[in-house]
Amino acid sequence: MNISKKIKGSGWYNHLKTINEHKIEVGKNCFRCGLYKQGLLHDLSKYSWTEFSVGAKYYQGNRSPNEAEREDKGYTSSWLHHKGRNKHHLEYWIDYDIEHRDRGMTGMKMPDNYIVEMFCDRVAASKIYKKDAYTDRSPLEYYLQGKGKHMLHPYSKKQLERLLYMLAEKGEDETFAYARRYMKAYRKYLRRKKS
């Protein structure tokens, strides 16, 4: 077997290719929304040894390697590392409920720019994993499949669902144009809040 075929057939190469494709797709989406810095910095922790080595070991190509590690070990070290470093994941924002201490953990309100990055991430992941079967409904369908498991703050949930439903019903151009206006208004709000 020639060396280039051997490399291209390996889990680490395919995983690297997948995360690069995903990162580029999220970057494009974030740029369409005016989130330039987040588009460039998105998911850099996936290149750390903690996440990359697990991704390469459990790579399958049609779903996240985290699912396979979870099935194998009962947990995923890669995901635990990833969600604690990436603010666009709803799990980053889970904390103890200070208003209702007896209820345990709950979702905290996410800053709007991370809600939009989460939307961009979901669109990109759906495109990468669904390939030619992707439609503008795919990110919404994936979200709805796991909806009962989500610990999203009501505000964060409302904003994310608005974007997902808009994408499903009106398509990418209209949704990303809306998200760009939304982020522009959010930045103005933050500037006013500072002064």
Protein backbone atom coordinates (compact mmCIF):
# COMPACT_ATOMS: atom_id res chain seq x y z
CA MET A 1 0.00 0.00 0.00
CA ASN A 2 1.41 3.38 -0.90
CA ILE A 3 1.98 5.85 1.95
CA SER A 4 -0.51 8.50 0.78
CA LYS A 5 -3.33 5.91 0.65
CA LYS A 6 -2.34 4.69 4.11
CA ILE A 7 -2.39 8.25 5.54
CA LYS A 8 -5.70 9.15 3.87
CA GLY A 9 -7.29 5.99 5.26
CA SER A 10 -6.26 6.69 8.84
CA GLY A 11 -8.57 7.97 11.58
CA TRP A 12 -6.34 10.90 12.50
CA TYR A 13 -6.18 12.16 8.91
CA ASN A 14 -9.93 11.84 8.37
CA HIS A 15 -10.69 13.43 11.73
CA LEU A 16 -8.34 16.33 10.96
CA LYS A 17 -10.01 16.76 7.57
CA THR A 18 -13.46 16.75 9.19
CA ILE A 19 -12.63 19.29 11.90
CA ASN A 20 -10.90 21.53 9.35
CA GLU A 21 -13.96 21.40 7.06
CA HIS A 22 -16.23 22.09 10.04
CA LYS A 23 -14.10 24.99 11.26
CA ILE A 24 -14.05 26.56 7.79
CA GLU A 25 -17.83 26.16 7.41
CA VAL A 26 -18.49 27.69 10.85
CA GLY A 27 -16.07 30.50 10.01
CA LYS A 28 -17.99 31.29 6.81
CA ASN A 29 -21.27 31.28 8.74
CA CYS A 30 -19.89 33.51 11.50
CA PHE A 31 -18.45 35.95 8.94
CA ARG A 32 -21.91 36.16 7.32
CA CYS A 33 -23.23 37.25 10.74
CA GLY A 34 -20.42 39.74 11.42
CA LEU A 35 -18.78 37.50 14.06
CA TYR A 36 -15.26 37.69 12.62
CA LYS A 37 -13.23 37.00 15.76
CA GLN A 38 -15.50 34.11 16.78
CA GLY A 39 -15.32 32.72 13.26
CA LEU A 40 -11.53 32.64 13.43
CA LEU A 41 -11.27 31.29 16.99
CA HIS A 42 -14.12 28.77 16.79
CA ASP A 43 -13.34 25.31 18.21
CA LEU A 44 -9.56 25.76 18.48
CA SER A 45 -9.61 23.32 21.41
CA LYS A 46 -10.39 20.51 18.92
CA TYR A 47 -6.71 20.69 17.93
CA SER A 48 -5.54 20.05 21.52
CA TRP A 49 -4.22 16.56 22.23
CA THR A 50 -7.03 15.89 24.73
CA GLU A 51 -9.69 16.35 22.04
CA PHE A 52 -7.85 15.47 18.85
CA SER A 53 -6.50 12.09 20.01
CA VAL A 54 -9.98 10.94 21.08
CA GLY A 55 -11.52 12.22 17.85
CA ALA A 56 -8.95 10.32 15.78
CA LYS A 57 -9.43 7.10 17.78
CA TYR A 58 -13.24 7.14 17.52
CA TYR A 59 -13.57 8.73 14.08
CA GLN A 60 -16.45 7.31 11.97
CA GLY A 61 -17.25 10.13 9.55
CA ASN A 62 -21.03 10.22 9.90
CA ARG A 63 -21.34 11.48 13.49
CA SER A 64 -19.30 13.03 16.26
CA PRO A 65 -16.54 10.79 17.65
CA ASN A 66 -17.77 11.91 21.09
CA GLU A 67 -20.82 9.68 20.66
CA ALA A 68 -18.64 6.63 20.02
CA GLU A 69 -16.38 7.38 23.00
CA ARG A 70 -19.47 7.84 25.20
CA GLU A 71 -20.82 4.46 24.06
CA ASP A 72 -17.43 2.83 24.71
CA LYS A 73 -16.54 4.40 28.08
CA GLY A 74 -19.81 5.76 29.43
CA TYR A 75 -18.51 9.31 29.18
CA THR A 76 -16.43 11.38 26.78
CA SER A 77 -13.24 13.06 27.97
CA SER A 78 -13.04 15.01 24.73
CA TRP A 79 -16.52 16.54 25.18
CA LEU A 80 -15.93 17.37 28.85
CA HIS A 81 -12.78 19.24 27.77
CA HIS A 82 -14.46 20.91 24.78
CA LYS A 83 -17.64 22.22 26.41
CA GLY A 84 -15.71 23.86 29.22
CA ARG A 85 -13.65 25.95 26.78
CA ASN A 86 -16.14 26.93 24.10
CA LYS A 87 -18.81 29.46 25.05
CA HIS A 88 -20.99 28.71 22.01
CA HIS A 89 -22.06 25.41 23.62
CA LEU A 90 -25.14 25.58 25.82
CA GLU A 91 -23.43 23.17 28.25
CA TYR A 92 -20.79 25.82 28.99
CA TRP A 93 -23.59 27.90 30.54
CA ILE A 94 -25.01 25.27 32.92
CA ASP A 95 -24.64 26.20 36.58
CA TYR A 96 -26.47 25.94 39.89
CA ASP A 97 -29.85 27.69 39.95
CA ILE A 98 -29.35 30.50 42.49
CA GLU A 99 -33.03 31.44 42.55
CA HIS A 100 -34.31 27.90 43.19
CA ARG A 101 -31.48 26.13 44.99
CA ASP A 102 -33.54 22.96 45.42
CA ARG A 103 -33.79 22.51 41.62
CA GLY A 104 -30.08 21.88 41.09
CA MET A 105 -28.53 22.76 37.74
CA THR A 106 -30.04 25.02 35.09
CA GLY A 107 -29.13 26.87 31.92
CA MET A 108 -27.84 30.41 32.36
CA LYS A 109 -28.66 33.18 29.88
CA MET A 110 -26.13 33.10 27.05
CA PRO A 111 -24.77 36.31 25.52
CA ASP A 112 -26.40 36.80 22.11
CA ASN A 113 -23.16 36.52 20.14
CA TYR A 114 -22.64 32.99 21.50
CA ILE A 115 -26.22 32.05 20.67
CA VAL A 116 -25.57 33.09 17.06
CA GLU A 117 -22.25 31.21 17.02
CA MET A 118 -24.10 28.14 18.36
CA PHE A 119 -26.54 28.49 15.46
CA CYS A 120 -23.64 28.78 12.98
CA ASP A 121 -22.04 25.69 14.55
CA ARG A 122 -25.23 23.63 14.26
CA VAL A 123 -25.68 24.57 10.60
CA ALA A 124 -22.07 23.65 9.81
CA ALA A 125 -22.19 20.35 11.72
CA SER A 126 -25.39 19.36 9.92
CA LYS A 127 -23.76 20.08 6.55
CA ILE A 128 -20.60 18.13 7.42
CA TYR A 129 -22.37 15.04 8.76
CA LYS A 130 -25.42 14.95 6.44
CA LYS A 131 -23.45 15.83 3.29
CA ASP A 132 -25.77 15.65 0.22
CA ALA A 133 -28.78 14.84 2.42
CA TYR A 134 -28.51 18.28 4.10
CA THR A 135 -31.47 20.65 3.81
CA ASP A 136 -32.15 23.93 5.59
CA ARG A 137 -34.41 21.91 7.93
CA SER A 138 -31.57 19.59 9.04
CA PRO A 139 -30.24 21.74 11.93
CA LEU A 140 -33.77 22.25 13.28
CA GLU A 141 -34.58 18.53 13.03
CA TYR A 142 -31.37 17.61 14.89
CA TYR A 143 -32.15 20.18 17.58
CA LEU A 144 -35.73 18.91 18.00
CA GLN A 145 -34.53 15.30 18.37
CA GLY A 146 -32.57 16.28 21.50
CA LYS A 147 -34.82 19.09 22.73
CA GLY A 148 -35.97 17.23 25.84
CA LYS A 149 -32.35 16.93 26.98
CA HIS A 150 -31.45 20.61 26.61
CA MET A 151 -30.94 22.82 29.64
CA LEU A 152 -31.28 26.10 27.81
CA HIS A 153 -32.23 29.35 29.52
CA PRO A 154 -35.65 30.43 28.15
CA TYR A 155 -34.16 33.52 26.45
CA SER A 156 -31.33 31.52 24.82
CA LYS A 157 -33.82 28.87 23.71
CA LYS A 158 -36.14 31.46 22.15
CA GLN A 159 -33.30 33.13 20.22
CA LEU A 160 -31.79 29.85 18.97
CA GLU A 161 -35.16 28.46 17.93
CA ARG A 162 -36.00 31.70 16.11
CA LEU A 163 -32.87 31.24 13.97
CA LEU A 164 -33.40 27.51 13.40
CA TYR A 165 -37.05 27.91 12.38
CA MET A 166 -36.22 30.89 10.18
CA LEU A 167 -33.53 28.84 8.41
CA ALA A 168 -35.97 25.95 7.89
CA GLU A 169 -38.70 28.22 6.54
CA LYS A 170 -36.88 31.06 4.78
CA GLY A 171 -33.44 29.68 3.90
CA GLU A 172 -29.86 30.70 4.49
CA ASP A 173 -29.73 34.10 2.79
CA GLU A 174 -32.61 35.60 4.75
CA THR A 175 -31.58 33.96 8.04
CA PHE A 176 -27.93 35.01 7.90
CA ALA A 177 -28.95 38.54 6.86
CA TYR A 178 -31.24 38.65 9.90
CA ALA A 179 -28.47 37.28 12.16
CA ARG A 180 -26.09 39.98 10.87
CA ARG A 181 -28.62 42.73 11.72
CA TYR A 182 -29.23 41.07 15.09
CA MET A 183 -25.49 41.10 15.88
CA LYS A 184 -25.13 44.70 14.74
CA ALA A 185 -27.95 45.75 17.10
CA TYR A 186 -26.43 43.63 19.90
CA ARG A 187 -23.03 45.35 19.53
CA LYS A 188 -24.78 48.77 19.70
CA TYR A 189 -26.58 47.64 22.85
CA LEU A 190 -23.28 46.56 24.46
CA ARG A 191 -21.64 49.91 23.59
CA ARG A 192 -24.56 51.85 25.11
CA LYS A 193 -24.45 49.63 28.19
CA LYS A 194 -20.72 50.41 28.70
CA SER A 195 -21.18 54.19 28.51
